[in-house]
Amino acid sequence: MPAPSSLTIATQSVQRLVKEEKYYRKELTQQTERVKKLEAEIKAGGEAADGNAEFVLKQEQKAVDETKAVFVPLNERIAEAVQRLEEQIATAESENGSAEELQKAKEALELGKAVEEPPTA
């Protein structure tokens, strides 16, 4: 089996980073929902049986902040990977590369460019 081309490697890199970013967005949404639920329980006076609801809330908020901190460097890596992919696409087009590889690369490029701005901390 031949080694993957530079275009394939760049394409897979963008796909992996976009998938990772999507996962972190999902995780952030879940964590934010847990924080809201805990805040509502504390306001309603339904403190946990062992009385540690405030501590749990702080821990959940810390997890939300840590997840938000991941987005800035991750989006920078996505931008770099998109730039490398654009360069590889240009090279492959000038060298009449595989049409299938080029199509996959262009699809990955669109995914990379469609990544939203990172959520604010």
PDB file of N, CA and C in Angstrom:
ATOM      1  N   MET A   1       0.854  -1.177   0.000  1.00  0.00           N
ATOM      2  CA  MET A   1       0.000   0.000   0.000  1.00  0.00           C
ATOM      3  C   MET A   1       0.900   1.241   0.000  1.00  0.00           C
ATOM      4  N   PRO A   2       0.689   2.129  -0.935  1.00  0.00           N
ATOM      5  CA  PRO A   2       1.541   3.317  -1.009  1.00  0.00           C
ATOM      6  C   PRO A   2       1.263   4.283   0.148  1.00  0.00           C
ATOM      7  N   ALA A   3       2.245   5.073   0.467  1.00  0.00           N
ATOM      8  CA  ALA A   3       2.083   6.068   1.530  1.00  0.00           C
ATOM      9  C   ALA A   3       1.058   7.113   1.088  1.00  0.00           C
ATOM     10  N   PRO A   4       0.291   7.653   2.037  1.00  0.00           N
ATOM     11  CA  PRO A   4      -0.692   8.665   1.664  1.00  0.00           C
ATOM     12  C   PRO A   4      -0.001   9.928   1.145  1.00  0.00           C
ATOM     13  N   SER A   5      -0.644  10.580   0.223  1.00  0.00           N
ATOM     14  CA  SER A   5      -0.082  11.799  -0.356  1.00  0.00           C
ATOM     15  C   SER A   5      -0.171  12.949   0.643  1.00  0.00           C
ATOM     16  N   SER A   6       0.556  14.011   0.371  1.00  0.00           N
ATOM     17  CA  SER A   6       0.514  15.199   1.228  1.00  0.00           C
ATOM     18  C   SER A   6      -0.900  15.782   1.268  1.00  0.00           C
ATOM     19  N   LEU A   7      -1.589  15.702   0.139  1.00  0.00           N
ATOM     20  CA  LEU A   7      -2.963  16.204   0.073  1.00  0.00           C
ATOM     21  C   LEU A   7      -3.875  15.395   0.992  1.00  0.00           C
ATOM     22  N   THR A   8      -3.726  14.090   0.979  1.00  0.00           N
ATOM     23  CA  THR A   8      -4.543  13.225   1.837  1.00  0.00           C
ATOM     24  C   THR A   8      -4.265  13.507   3.305  1.00  0.00           C
ATOM     25  N   ILE A   9      -2.999  13.674   3.636  1.00  0.00           N
ATOM     26  CA  ILE A   9      -2.627  13.947   5.032  1.00  0.00           C
ATOM     27  C   ILE A   9      -3.222  15.281   5.480  1.00  0.00           C
ATOM     28  N   ALA A  10      -3.116  16.308   4.655  1.00  0.00           N
ATOM     29  CA  ALA A  10      -3.664  17.621   5.001  1.00  0.00           C
ATOM     30  C   ALA A  10      -5.186  17.562   5.119  1.00  0.00           C
ATOM     31  N   THR A  11      -5.818  16.804   4.237  1.00  0.00           N
ATOM     32  CA  THR A  11      -7.279  16.647   4.277  1.00  0.00           C
ATOM     33  C   THR A  11      -7.710  15.987   5.587  1.00  0.00           C
ATOM     34  N   GLN A  12      -7.042  14.906   5.944  1.00  0.00           N
ATOM     35  CA  GLN A  12      -7.393  14.184   7.165  1.00  0.00           C
ATOM     36  C   GLN A  12      -7.131  15.029   8.411  1.00  0.00           C
ATOM     37  N   SER A  13      -6.104  15.847   8.360  1.00  0.00           N
ATOM     38  CA  SER A  13      -5.800  16.724   9.481  1.00  0.00           C
ATOM     39  C   SER A  13      -6.936  17.707   9.724  1.00  0.00           C
ATOM     40  N   VAL A  14      -7.418  18.338   8.660  1.00  0.00           N
ATOM     41  CA  VAL A  14      -8.532  19.283   8.795  1.00  0.00           C
ATOM     42  C   VAL A  14      -9.778  18.553   9.291  1.00  0.00           C
ATOM     43  N   GLN A  15     -10.061  17.388   8.745  1.00  0.00           N
ATOM     44  CA  GLN A  15     -11.243  16.627   9.160  1.00  0.00           C
ATOM     45  C   GLN A  15     -11.173  16.279  10.650  1.00  0.00           C
ATOM     46  N   ARG A  16     -10.007  15.862  11.107  1.00  0.00           N
ATOM     47  CA  ARG A  16      -9.833  15.479  12.507  1.00  0.00           C
ATOM     48  C   ARG A  16     -10.026  16.687  13.428  1.00  0.00           C
ATOM     49  N   LEU A  17      -9.432  17.817  13.071  1.00  0.00           N
ATOM     50  CA  LEU A  17      -9.552  19.010  13.902  1.00  0.00           C
ATOM     51  C   LEU A  17     -10.979  19.538  13.948  1.00  0.00           C
ATOM     52  N   VAL A  18     -11.688  19.480  12.829  1.00  0.00           N
ATOM     53  CA  VAL A  18     -13.086  19.922  12.800  1.00  0.00           C
ATOM     54  C   VAL A  18     -13.932  18.993  13.675  1.00  0.00           C
ATOM     55  N   LYS A  19     -13.658  17.710  13.610  1.00  0.00           N
ATOM     56  CA  LYS A  19     -14.389  16.748  14.440  1.00  0.00           C
ATOM     57  C   LYS A  19     -14.119  17.017  15.926  1.00  0.00           C
ATOM     58  N   GLU A  20     -12.870  17.303  16.253  1.00  0.00           N
ATOM     59  CA  GLU A  20     -12.500  17.595  17.637  1.00  0.00           C
ATOM     60  C   GLU A  20     -13.217  18.854  18.125  1.00  0.00           C
ATOM     61  N   GLU A  21     -13.270  19.883  17.289  1.00  0.00           N
ATOM     62  CA  GLU A  21     -13.933  21.131  17.651  1.00  0.00           C
ATOM     63  C   GLU A  21     -15.426  20.893  17.890  1.00  0.00           C
ATOM     64  N   LYS A  22     -16.025  20.085  17.042  1.00  0.00           N
ATOM     65  CA  LYS A  22     -17.451  19.752  17.183  1.00  0.00           C
ATOM     66  C   LYS A  22     -17.702  19.026  18.517  1.00  0.00           C
ATOM     67  N   TYR A  23     -16.808  18.115  18.877  1.00  0.00           N
ATOM     68  CA  TYR A  23     -16.927  17.385  20.136  1.00  0.00           C
ATOM     69  C   TYR A  23     -16.864  18.350  21.322  1.00  0.00           C
ATOM     70  N   TYR A  24     -15.909  19.284  21.293  1.00  0.00           N
ATOM     71  CA  TYR A  24     -15.783  20.231  22.397  1.00  0.00           C
ATOM     72  C   TYR A  24     -17.004  21.135  22.501  1.00  0.00           C
ATOM     73  N   ARG A  25     -17.599  21.509  21.370  1.00  0.00           N
ATOM     74  CA  ARG A  25     -18.828  22.325  21.418  1.00  0.00           C
ATOM     75  C   ARG A  25     -19.948  21.538  22.096  1.00  0.00           C
ATOM     76  N   LYS A  26     -20.064  20.258  21.753  1.00  0.00           N
ATOM     77  CA  LYS A  26     -21.098  19.414  22.359  1.00  0.00           C
ATOM     78  C   LYS A  26     -20.858  19.296  23.867  1.00  0.00           C
ATOM     79  N   GLU A  27     -19.605  19.083  24.238  1.00  0.00           N
ATOM     80  CA  GLU A  27     -19.256  18.964  25.653  1.00  0.00           C
ATOM     81  C   GLU A  27     -19.572  20.257  26.403  1.00  0.00           C
ATOM     82  N   LEU A  28     -19.256  21.390  25.794  1.00  0.00           N
ATOM     83  CA  LEU A  28     -19.530  22.680  26.427  1.00  0.00           C
ATOM     84  C   LEU A  28     -21.031  22.873  26.642  1.00  0.00           C
ATOM     85  N   THR A  29     -21.824  22.486  25.675  1.00  0.00           N
ATOM     86  CA  THR A  29     -23.282  22.603  25.801  1.00  0.00           C
ATOM     87  C   THR A  29     -23.785  21.753  26.969  1.00  0.00           C
ATOM     88  N   GLN A  30     -23.289  20.527  27.069  1.00  0.00           N
ATOM     89  CA  GLN A  30     -23.714  19.636  28.148  1.00  0.00           C
ATOM     90  C   GLN A  30     -23.299  20.193  29.509  1.00  0.00           C
ATOM     91  N   GLN A  31     -22.075  20.698  29.596  1.00  0.00           N
ATOM     92  CA  GLN A  31     -21.600  21.242  30.869  1.00  0.00           C
ATOM     93  C   GLN A  31     -22.398  22.472  31.275  1.00  0.00           C
ATOM     94  N   THR A  32     -22.699  23.326  30.305  1.00  0.00           N
ATOM     95  CA  THR A  32     -23.464  24.540  30.589  1.00  0.00           C
ATOM     96  C   THR A  32     -24.857  24.175  31.098  1.00  0.00           C
ATOM     97  N   GLU A  33     -25.465  23.159  30.509  1.00  0.00           N
ATOM     98  CA  GLU A  33     -26.782  22.712  30.961  1.00  0.00           C
ATOM     99  C   GLU A  33     -26.716  22.194  32.395  1.00  0.00           C
ATOM    100  N   ARG A  34     -25.656  21.462  32.727  1.00  0.00           N
ATOM    101  CA  ARG A  34     -25.508  20.951  34.102  1.00  0.00           C
ATOM    102  C   ARG A  34     -25.356  22.105  35.092  1.00  0.00           C
ATOM    103  N   VAL A  35     -24.589  23.132  34.719  1.00  0.00           N
ATOM    104  CA  VAL A  35     -24.407  24.288  35.595  1.00  0.00           C
ATOM    105  C   VAL A  35     -25.738  24.984  35.827  1.00  0.00           C
ATOM    106  N   LYS A  36     -26.507  25.186  34.758  1.00  0.00           N
ATOM    107  CA  LYS A  36     -27.815  25.848  34.904  1.00  0.00           C
ATOM    108  C   LYS A  36     -28.741  25.036  35.800  1.00  0.00           C
ATOM    109  N   LYS A  37     -28.704  23.719  35.627  1.00  0.00           N
ATOM    110  CA  LYS A  37     -29.551  22.845  36.436  1.00  0.00           C
ATOM    111  C   LYS A  37     -29.153  22.936  37.912  1.00  0.00           C
ATOM    112  N   LEU A  38     -27.843  22.915  38.185  1.00  0.00           N
ATOM    113  CA  LEU A  38     -27.383  23.020  39.574  1.00  0.00           C
ATOM    114  C   LEU A  38     -27.746  24.378  40.180  1.00  0.00           C
ATOM    115  N   GLU A  39     -27.584  25.445  39.403  1.00  0.00           N
ATOM    116  CA  GLU A  39     -27.947  26.778  39.898  1.00  0.00           C
ATOM    117  C   GLU A  39     -29.434  26.834  40.237  1.00  0.00           C
ATOM    118  N   ALA A  40     -30.259  26.246  39.395  1.00  0.00           N
ATOM    119  CA  ALA A  40     -31.701  26.234  39.642  1.00  0.00           C
ATOM    120  C   ALA A  40     -32.029  25.439  40.899  1.00  0.00           C
ATOM    121  N   GLU A  41     -31.353  24.318  41.092  1.00  0.00           N
ATOM    122  CA  GLU A  41     -31.599  23.499  42.290  1.00  0.00           C
ATOM    123  C   GLU A  41     -31.198  24.241  43.560  1.00  0.00           C
ATOM    124  N   ILE A  42     -30.076  24.954  43.494  1.00  0.00           N
ATOM    125  CA  ILE A  42     -29.618  25.686  44.669  1.00  0.00           C
ATOM    126  C   ILE A  42     -30.583  26.822  44.990  1.00  0.00           C
ATOM    127  N   LYS A  43     -31.049  27.535  43.972  1.00  0.00           N
ATOM    128  CA  LYS A  43     -31.999  28.632  44.190  1.00  0.00           C
ATOM    129  C   LYS A  43     -33.321  28.125  44.743  1.00  0.00           C
ATOM    130  N   ALA A  44     -33.705  26.920  44.330  1.00  0.00           N
ATOM    131  CA  ALA A  44     -34.967  26.346  44.792  1.00  0.00           C
ATOM    132  C   ALA A  44     -34.835  25.767  46.196  1.00  0.00           C
ATOM    133  N   GLY A  45     -33.601  25.757  46.717  1.00  0.00           N
ATOM    134  CA  GLY A  45     -33.401  25.242  48.069  1.00  0.00           C
ATOM    135  C   GLY A  45     -33.273  23.736  48.118  1.00  0.00           C
ATOM    136  N   GLY A  46     -33.160  23.103  46.994  1.00  0.00           N
ATOM    137  CA  GLY A  46     -33.042  21.651  46.958  1.00  0.00           C
ATOM    138  C   GLY A  46     -31.590  21.209  47.004  1.00  0.00           C
ATOM    139  N   GLU A  47     -30.873  21.660  48.008  1.00  0.00           N
ATOM    140  CA  GLU A  47     -29.450  21.341  48.122  1.00  0.00           C
ATOM    141  C   GLU A  47     -29.258  19.831  48.261  1.00  0.00           C
ATOM    142  N   ALA A  48     -28.160  19.357  47.755  1.00  0.00           N
ATOM    143  CA  ALA A  48     -27.870  17.915  47.779  1.00  0.00           C
ATOM    144  C   ALA A  48     -27.883  17.403  49.212  1.00  0.00           C
ATOM    145  N   ALA A  49     -28.152  16.119  49.326  1.00  0.00           N
ATOM    146  CA  ALA A  49     -28.294  15.497  50.641  1.00  0.00           C
ATOM    147  C   ALA A  49     -27.040  15.685  51.498  1.00  0.00           C
ATOM    148  N   ASP A  50     -25.871  15.671  50.905  1.00  0.00           N
ATOM    149  CA  ASP A  50     -24.640  15.820  51.689  1.00  0.00           C
ATOM    150  C   ASP A  50     -24.183  17.277  51.773  1.00  0.00           C
ATOM    151  N   GLY A  51     -24.967  18.196  51.252  1.00  0.00           N
ATOM    152  CA  GLY A  51     -24.693  19.616  51.408  1.00  0.00           C
ATOM    153  C   GLY A  51     -23.530  20.151  50.599  1.00  0.00           C
ATOM    154  N   ASN A  52     -23.176  19.505  49.533  1.00  0.00           N
ATOM    155  CA  ASN A  52     -22.015  19.954  48.760  1.00  0.00           C
ATOM    156  C   ASN A  52     -22.393  20.542  47.403  1.00  0.00           C
ATOM    157  N   ALA A  53     -23.609  21.018  47.266  1.00  0.00           N
ATOM    158  CA  ALA A  53     -24.079  21.538  45.982  1.00  0.00           C
ATOM    159  C   ALA A  53     -23.253  22.728  45.514  1.00  0.00           C
ATOM    160  N   GLU A  54     -22.868  23.596  46.442  1.00  0.00           N
ATOM    161  CA  GLU A  54     -22.055  24.765  46.074  1.00  0.00           C
ATOM    162  C   GLU A  54     -20.704  24.318  45.518  1.00  0.00           C
ATOM    163  N   PHE A  55     -20.102  23.334  46.157  1.00  0.00           N
ATOM    164  CA  PHE A  55     -18.812  22.812  45.697  1.00  0.00           C
ATOM    165  C   PHE A  55     -18.944  22.186  44.311  1.00  0.00           C
ATOM    166  N   VAL A  56     -19.976  21.398  44.117  1.00  0.00           N
ATOM    167  CA  VAL A  56     -20.209  20.749  42.824  1.00  0.00           C
ATOM    168  C   VAL A  56     -20.427  21.798  41.749  1.00  0.00           C
ATOM    169  N   LEU A  57     -21.172  22.856  42.074  1.00  0.00           N
ATOM    170  CA  LEU A  57     -21.414  23.935  41.121  1.00  0.00           C
ATOM    171  C   LEU A  57     -20.097  24.600  40.711  1.00  0.00           C
ATOM    172  N   LYS A  58     -19.249  24.888  41.693  1.00  0.00           N
ATOM    173  CA  LYS A  58     -17.953  25.503  41.379  1.00  0.00           C
ATOM    174  C   LYS A  58     -17.117  24.593  40.489  1.00  0.00           C
ATOM    175  N   GLN A  59     -17.152  23.300  40.754  1.00  0.00           N
ATOM    176  CA  GLN A  59     -16.388  22.351  39.942  1.00  0.00           C
ATOM    177  C   GLN A  59     -16.915  22.309  38.510  1.00  0.00           C
ATOM    178  N   GLU A  60     -18.234  22.332  38.371  1.00  0.00           N
ATOM    179  CA  GLU A  60     -18.838  22.329  37.031  1.00  0.00           C
ATOM    180  C   GLU A  60     -18.503  23.615  36.273  1.00  0.00           C
ATOM    181  N   GLN A  61     -18.528  24.750  36.982  1.00  0.00           N
ATOM    182  CA  GLN A  61     -18.178  26.017  36.344  1.00  0.00           C
ATOM    183  C   GLN A  61     -16.712  26.022  35.918  1.00  0.00           C
ATOM    184  N   LYS A  62     -15.875  25.421  36.731  1.00  0.00           N
ATOM    185  CA  LYS A  62     -14.446  25.319  36.388  1.00  0.00           C
ATOM    186  C   LYS A  62     -14.279  24.465  35.131  1.00  0.00           C
ATOM    187  N   ALA A  63     -15.038  23.394  35.032  1.00  0.00           N
ATOM    188  CA  ALA A  63     -14.969  22.522  33.848  1.00  0.00           C
ATOM    189  C   ALA A  63     -15.427  23.281  32.602  1.00  0.00           C
ATOM    190  N   VAL A  64     -16.460  24.110  32.736  1.00  0.00           N
ATOM    191  CA  VAL A  64     -16.937  24.925  31.605  1.00  0.00           C
ATOM    192  C   VAL A  64     -15.833  25.879  31.165  1.00  0.00           C
ATOM    193  N   ASP A  65     -15.190  26.544  32.123  1.00  0.00           N
ATOM    194  CA  ASP A  65     -14.115  27.487  31.797  1.00  0.00           C
ATOM    195  C   ASP A  65     -12.942  26.785  31.116  1.00  0.00           C
ATOM    196  N   GLU A  66     -12.605  25.602  31.595  1.00  0.00           N
ATOM    197  CA  GLU A  66     -11.497  24.846  30.991  1.00  0.00           C
ATOM    198  C   GLU A  66     -11.839  24.424  29.562  1.00  0.00           C
ATOM    199  N   THR A  67     -13.077  24.036  29.340  1.00  0.00           N
ATOM    200  CA  THR A  67     -13.495  23.656  27.989  1.00  0.00           C
ATOM    201  C   THR A  67     -13.460  24.863  27.066  1.00  0.00           C
ATOM    202  N   LYS A  68     -13.918  26.019  27.544  1.00  0.00           N
ATOM    203  CA  LYS A  68     -13.880  27.230  26.721  1.00  0.00           C
ATOM    204  C   LYS A  68     -12.451  27.603  26.357  1.00  0.00           C
ATOM    205  N   ALA A  69     -11.514  27.350  27.257  1.00  0.00           N
ATOM    206  CA  ALA A  69     -10.111  27.699  27.015  1.00  0.00           C
ATOM    207  C   ALA A  69      -9.504  26.876  25.886  1.00  0.00           C
ATOM    208  N   VAL A  70     -10.088  25.752  25.571  1.00  0.00           N
ATOM    209  CA  VAL A  70      -9.576  24.880  24.517  1.00  0.00           C
ATOM    210  C   VAL A  70      -9.812  25.481  23.129  1.00  0.00           C
ATOM    211  N   PHE A  71     -10.848  26.286  22.980  1.00  0.00           N
ATOM    212  CA  PHE A  71     -11.272  26.727  21.652  1.00  0.00           C
ATOM    213  C   PHE A  71     -10.287  27.636  20.933  1.00  0.00           C
ATOM    214  N   VAL A  72      -9.663  28.575  21.626  1.00  0.00           N
ATOM    215  CA  VAL A  72      -8.769  29.510  20.941  1.00  0.00           C
ATOM    216  C   VAL A  72      -7.596  28.785  20.289  1.00  0.00           C
ATOM    217  N   PRO A  73      -6.825  27.977  21.039  1.00  0.00           N
ATOM    218  CA  PRO A  73      -5.721  27.275  20.370  1.00  0.00           C
ATOM    219  C   PRO A  73      -6.204  26.259  19.325  1.00  0.00           C
ATOM    220  N   LEU A  74      -7.347  25.641  19.574  1.00  0.00           N
ATOM    221  CA  LEU A  74      -7.883  24.674  18.613  1.00  0.00           C
ATOM    222  C   LEU A  74      -8.256  25.376  17.314  1.00  0.00           C
ATOM    223  N   ASN A  75      -8.891  26.528  17.398  1.00  0.00           N
ATOM    224  CA  ASN A  75      -9.263  27.260  16.189  1.00  0.00           C
ATOM    225  C   ASN A  75      -8.034  27.763  15.441  1.00  0.00           C
ATOM    226  N   GLU A  76      -6.963  28.095  16.175  1.00  0.00           N
ATOM    227  CA  GLU A  76      -5.711  28.484  15.515  1.00  0.00           C
ATOM    228  C   GLU A  76      -5.138  27.298  14.736  1.00  0.00           C
ATOM    229  N   ARG A  77      -5.192  26.115  15.347  1.00  0.00           N
ATOM    230  CA  ARG A  77      -4.694  24.913  14.665  1.00  0.00           C
ATOM    231  C   ARG A  77      -5.537  24.604  13.434  1.00  0.00           C
ATOM    232  N   ILE A  78      -6.850  24.813  13.534  1.00  0.00           N
ATOM    233  CA  ILE A  78      -7.726  24.583  12.380  1.00  0.00           C
ATOM    234  C   ILE A  78      -7.364  25.556  11.263  1.00  0.00           C
ATOM    235  N   ALA A  79      -7.152  26.816  11.611  1.00  0.00           N
ATOM    236  CA  ALA A  79      -6.805  27.820  10.597  1.00  0.00           C
ATOM    237  C   ALA A  79      -5.489  27.460   9.900  1.00  0.00           C
ATOM    238  N   GLU A  80      -4.513  27.001  10.667  1.00  0.00           N
ATOM    239  CA  GLU A  80      -3.232  26.588  10.085  1.00  0.00           C
ATOM    240  C   GLU A  80      -3.416  25.382   9.170  1.00  0.00           C
ATOM    241  N   ALA A  81      -4.219  24.426   9.611  1.00  0.00           N
ATOM    242  CA  ALA A  81      -4.453  23.224   8.810  1.00  0.00           C
ATOM    243  C   ALA A  81      -5.198  23.569   7.521  1.00  0.00           C
ATOM    244  N   VAL A  82      -6.138  24.503   7.601  1.00  0.00           N
ATOM    245  CA  VAL A  82      -6.873  24.944   6.409  1.00  0.00           C
ATOM    246  C   VAL A  82      -5.915  25.601   5.421  1.00  0.00           C
ATOM    247  N   GLN A  83      -5.005  26.414   5.939  1.00  0.00           N
ATOM    248  CA  GLN A  83      -4.035  27.080   5.073  1.00  0.00           C
ATOM    249  C   GLN A  83      -3.134  26.042   4.373  1.00  0.00           C
ATOM    250  N   ARG A  84      -2.664  25.061   5.136  1.00  0.00           N
ATOM    251  CA  ARG A  84      -1.834  23.994   4.536  1.00  0.00           C
ATOM    252  C   ARG A  84      -2.624  23.231   3.485  1.00  0.00           C
ATOM    253  N   LEU A  85      -3.891  22.972   3.770  1.00  0.00           N
ATOM    254  CA  LEU A  85      -4.727  22.236   2.823  1.00  0.00           C
ATOM    255  C   LEU A  85      -4.927  23.043   1.545  1.00  0.00           C
ATOM    256  N   GLU A  86      -5.147  24.345   1.683  1.00  0.00           N
ATOM    257  CA  GLU A  86      -5.286  25.195   0.491  1.00  0.00           C
ATOM    258  C   GLU A  86      -4.028  25.120  -0.377  1.00  0.00           C
ATOM    259  N   GLU A  87      -2.869  25.138   0.277  1.00  0.00           N
ATOM    260  CA  GLU A  87      -1.604  25.040  -0.458  1.00  0.00           C
ATOM    261  C   GLU A  87      -1.489  23.686  -1.159  1.00  0.00           C
ATOM    262  N   GLN A  88      -1.881  22.623  -0.465  1.00  0.00           N
ATOM    263  CA  GLN A  88      -1.804  21.283  -1.051  1.00  0.00           C
ATOM    264  C   GLN A  88      -2.782  21.136  -2.218  1.00  0.00           C
ATOM    265  N   ILE A  89      -3.950  21.740  -2.102  1.00  0.00           N
ATOM    266  CA  ILE A  89      -4.931  21.694  -3.191  1.00  0.00           C
ATOM    267  C   ILE A  89      -4.365  22.410  -4.414  1.00  0.00           C
ATOM    268  N   ALA A  90      -3.774  23.577  -4.195  1.00  0.00           N
ATOM    269  CA  ALA A  90      -3.185  24.328  -5.312  1.00  0.00           C
ATOM    270  C   ALA A  90      -2.084  23.515  -5.984  1.00  0.00           C
ATOM    271  N   THR A  91      -1.259  22.879  -5.193  1.00  0.00           N
ATOM    272  CA  THR A  91      -0.180  22.051  -5.738  1.00  0.00           C
ATOM    273  C   THR A  91      -0.749  20.871  -6.518  1.00  0.00           C
ATOM    274  N   ALA A  92      -1.742  20.205  -5.936  1.00  0.00           N
ATOM    275  CA  ALA A  92      -2.338  19.034  -6.595  1.00  0.00           C
ATOM    276  C   ALA A  92      -3.026  19.425  -7.894  1.00  0.00           C
ATOM    277  N   GLU A  93      -3.679  20.577  -7.917  1.00  0.00           N
ATOM    278  CA  GLU A  93      -4.351  21.025  -9.139  1.00  0.00           C
ATOM    279  C   GLU A  93      -3.328  21.346 -10.234  1.00  0.00           C
ATOM    280  N   SER A  94      -2.205  21.953  -9.842  1.00  0.00           N
ATOM    281  CA  SER A  94      -1.189  22.285 -10.847  1.00  0.00           C
ATOM    282  C   SER A  94      -0.488  21.032 -11.368  1.00  0.00           C
ATOM    283  N   GLU A  95      -0.483  19.974 -10.566  1.00  0.00           N
ATOM    284  CA  GLU A  95       0.155  18.715 -10.966  1.00  0.00           C
ATOM    285  C   GLU A  95      -0.858  17.693 -11.474  1.00  0.00           C
ATOM    286  N   ASN A  96      -2.099  18.131 -11.687  1.00  0.00           N
ATOM    287  CA  ASN A  96      -3.175  17.235 -12.142  1.00  0.00           C
ATOM    288  C   ASN A  96      -3.321  16.025 -11.227  1.00  0.00           C
ATOM    289  N   GLY A  97      -3.545  16.305  -9.940  1.00  0.00           N
ATOM    290  CA  GLY A  97      -3.705  15.239  -8.951  1.00  0.00           C
ATOM    291  C   GLY A  97      -5.012  14.498  -9.131  1.00  0.00           C
ATOM    292  N   SER A  98      -5.201  13.495  -8.324  1.00  0.00           N
ATOM    293  CA  SER A  98      -6.395  12.656  -8.363  1.00  0.00           C
ATOM    294  C   SER A  98      -7.652  13.492  -8.130  1.00  0.00           C
ATOM    295  N   ALA A  99      -8.631  13.330  -8.996  1.00  0.00           N
ATOM    296  CA  ALA A  99      -9.887  14.083  -8.880  1.00  0.00           C
ATOM    297  C   ALA A  99     -10.615  13.724  -7.593  1.00  0.00           C
ATOM    298  N   GLU A 100     -10.567  12.461  -7.209  1.00  0.00           N
ATOM    299  CA  GLU A 100     -11.250  12.016  -5.983  1.00  0.00           C
ATOM    300  C   GLU A 100     -10.598  12.656  -4.753  1.00  0.00           C
ATOM    301  N   GLU A 101      -9.265  12.656  -4.715  1.00  0.00           N
ATOM    302  CA  GLU A 101      -8.564  13.280  -3.593  1.00  0.00           C
ATOM    303  C   GLU A 101      -8.856  14.770  -3.530  1.00  0.00           C
ATOM    304  N   LEU A 102      -8.865  15.416  -4.691  1.00  0.00           N
ATOM    305  CA  LEU A 102      -9.145  16.852  -4.732  1.00  0.00           C
ATOM    306  C   LEU A 102     -10.556  17.152  -4.231  1.00  0.00           C
ATOM    307  N   GLN A 103     -11.509  16.327  -4.607  1.00  0.00           N
ATOM    308  CA  GLN A 103     -12.890  16.527  -4.167  1.00  0.00           C
ATOM    309  C   GLN A 103     -12.988  16.399  -2.647  1.00  0.00           C
ATOM    310  N   LYS A 104     -12.367  15.360  -2.086  1.00  0.00           N
ATOM    311  CA  LYS A 104     -12.380  15.176  -0.638  1.00  0.00           C
ATOM    312  C   LYS A 104     -11.696  16.343   0.059  1.00  0.00           C
ATOM    313  N   ALA A 105     -10.606  16.818  -0.520  1.00  0.00           N
ATOM    314  CA  ALA A 105      -9.866  17.933   0.066  1.00  0.00           C
ATOM    315  C   ALA A 105     -10.706  19.198   0.061  1.00  0.00           C
ATOM    316  N   LYS A 106     -11.412  19.442  -1.018  1.00  0.00           N
ATOM    317  CA  LYS A 106     -12.250  20.643  -1.103  1.00  0.00           C
ATOM    318  C   LYS A 106     -13.411  20.573  -0.115  1.00  0.00           C
ATOM    319  N   GLU A 107     -13.953  19.383   0.087  1.00  0.00           N
ATOM    320  CA  GLU A 107     -15.024  19.213   1.071  1.00  0.00           C
ATOM    321  C   GLU A 107     -14.498  19.491   2.480  1.00  0.00           C
ATOM    322  N   ALA A 108     -13.319  18.960   2.782  1.00  0.00           N
ATOM    323  CA  ALA A 108     -12.708  19.191   4.091  1.00  0.00           C
ATOM    324  C   ALA A 108     -12.380  20.666   4.272  1.00  0.00           C
ATOM    325  N   LEU A 109     -11.956  21.316   3.197  1.00  0.00           N
ATOM    326  CA  LEU A 109     -11.641  22.742   3.240  1.00  0.00           C
ATOM    327  C   LEU A 109     -12.883  23.552   3.612  1.00  0.00           C
ATOM    328  N   GLU A 110     -14.019  23.205   3.026  1.00  0.00           N
ATOM    329  CA  GLU A 110     -15.264  23.894   3.347  1.00  0.00           C
ATOM    330  C   GLU A 110     -15.641  23.687   4.809  1.00  0.00           C
ATOM    331  N   LEU A 111     -15.455  22.459   5.305  1.00  0.00           N
ATOM    332  CA  LEU A 111     -15.742  22.188   6.717  1.00  0.00           C
ATOM    333  C   LEU A 111     -14.851  23.035   7.616  1.00  0.00           C
ATOM    334  N   GLY A 112     -13.571  23.113   7.265  1.00  0.00           N
ATOM    335  CA  GLY A 112     -12.627  23.881   8.063  1.00  0.00           C
ATOM    336  C   GLY A 112     -12.946  25.364   8.072  1.00  0.00           C
ATOM    337  N   LYS A 113     -13.377  25.871   6.937  1.00  0.00           N
ATOM    338  CA  LYS A 113     -13.700  27.305   6.850  1.00  0.00           C
ATOM    339  C   LYS A 113     -15.029  27.611   7.563  1.00  0.00           C
ATOM    340  N   ALA A 114     -15.878  26.622   7.704  1.00  0.00           N
ATOM    341  CA  ALA A 114     -17.192  26.820   8.311  1.00  0.00           C
ATOM    342  C   ALA A 114     -17.171  26.786   9.836  1.00  0.00           C
ATOM    343  N   VAL A 115     -16.009  26.497  10.425  1.00  0.00           N
ATOM    344  CA  VAL A 115     -15.921  26.422  11.887  1.00  0.00           C
ATOM    345  C   VAL A 115     -16.238  27.786  12.465  1.00  0.00           C
ATOM    346  N   GLU A 116     -17.087  27.768  13.487  1.00  0.00           N
ATOM    347  CA  GLU A 116     -17.536  29.014  14.120  1.00  0.00           C
ATOM    348  C   GLU A 116     -16.433  29.610  14.992  1.00  0.00           C
ATOM    349  N   GLU A 117     -16.634  30.863  15.327  1.00  0.00           N
ATOM    350  CA  GLU A 117     -15.710  31.536  16.233  1.00  0.00           C
ATOM    351  C   GLU A 117     -15.797  30.854  17.597  1.00  0.00           C
ATOM    352  N   PRO A 118     -14.695  30.885  18.358  1.00  0.00           N
ATOM    353  CA  PRO A 118     -14.738  30.242  19.682  1.00  0.00           C
ATOM    354  C   PRO A 118     -15.672  30.978  20.624  1.00  0.00           C
ATOM    355  N   PRO A 119     -16.329  30.230  21.513  1.00  0.00           N
ATOM    356  CA  PRO A 119     -17.214  30.881  22.490  1.00  0.00           C
ATOM    357  C   PRO A 119     -16.386  31.761  23.431  1.00  0.00           C
ATOM    358  N   THR A 120     -16.971  32.831  23.889  1.00  0.00           N
ATOM    359  CA  THR A 120     -16.251  33.739  24.794  1.00  0.00           C
ATOM    360  C   THR A 120     -16.209  33.163  26.186  1.00  0.00           C
ATOM    361  N   ALA A 121     -15.109  33.437  26.853  1.00  0.00           N
ATOM    362  CA  ALA A 121     -14.894  32.881  28.197  1.00  0.00           C
ATOM    363  C   ALA A 121     -15.634  33.629  29.268  1.00  0.00           C
TER     364      ALA A 121
END
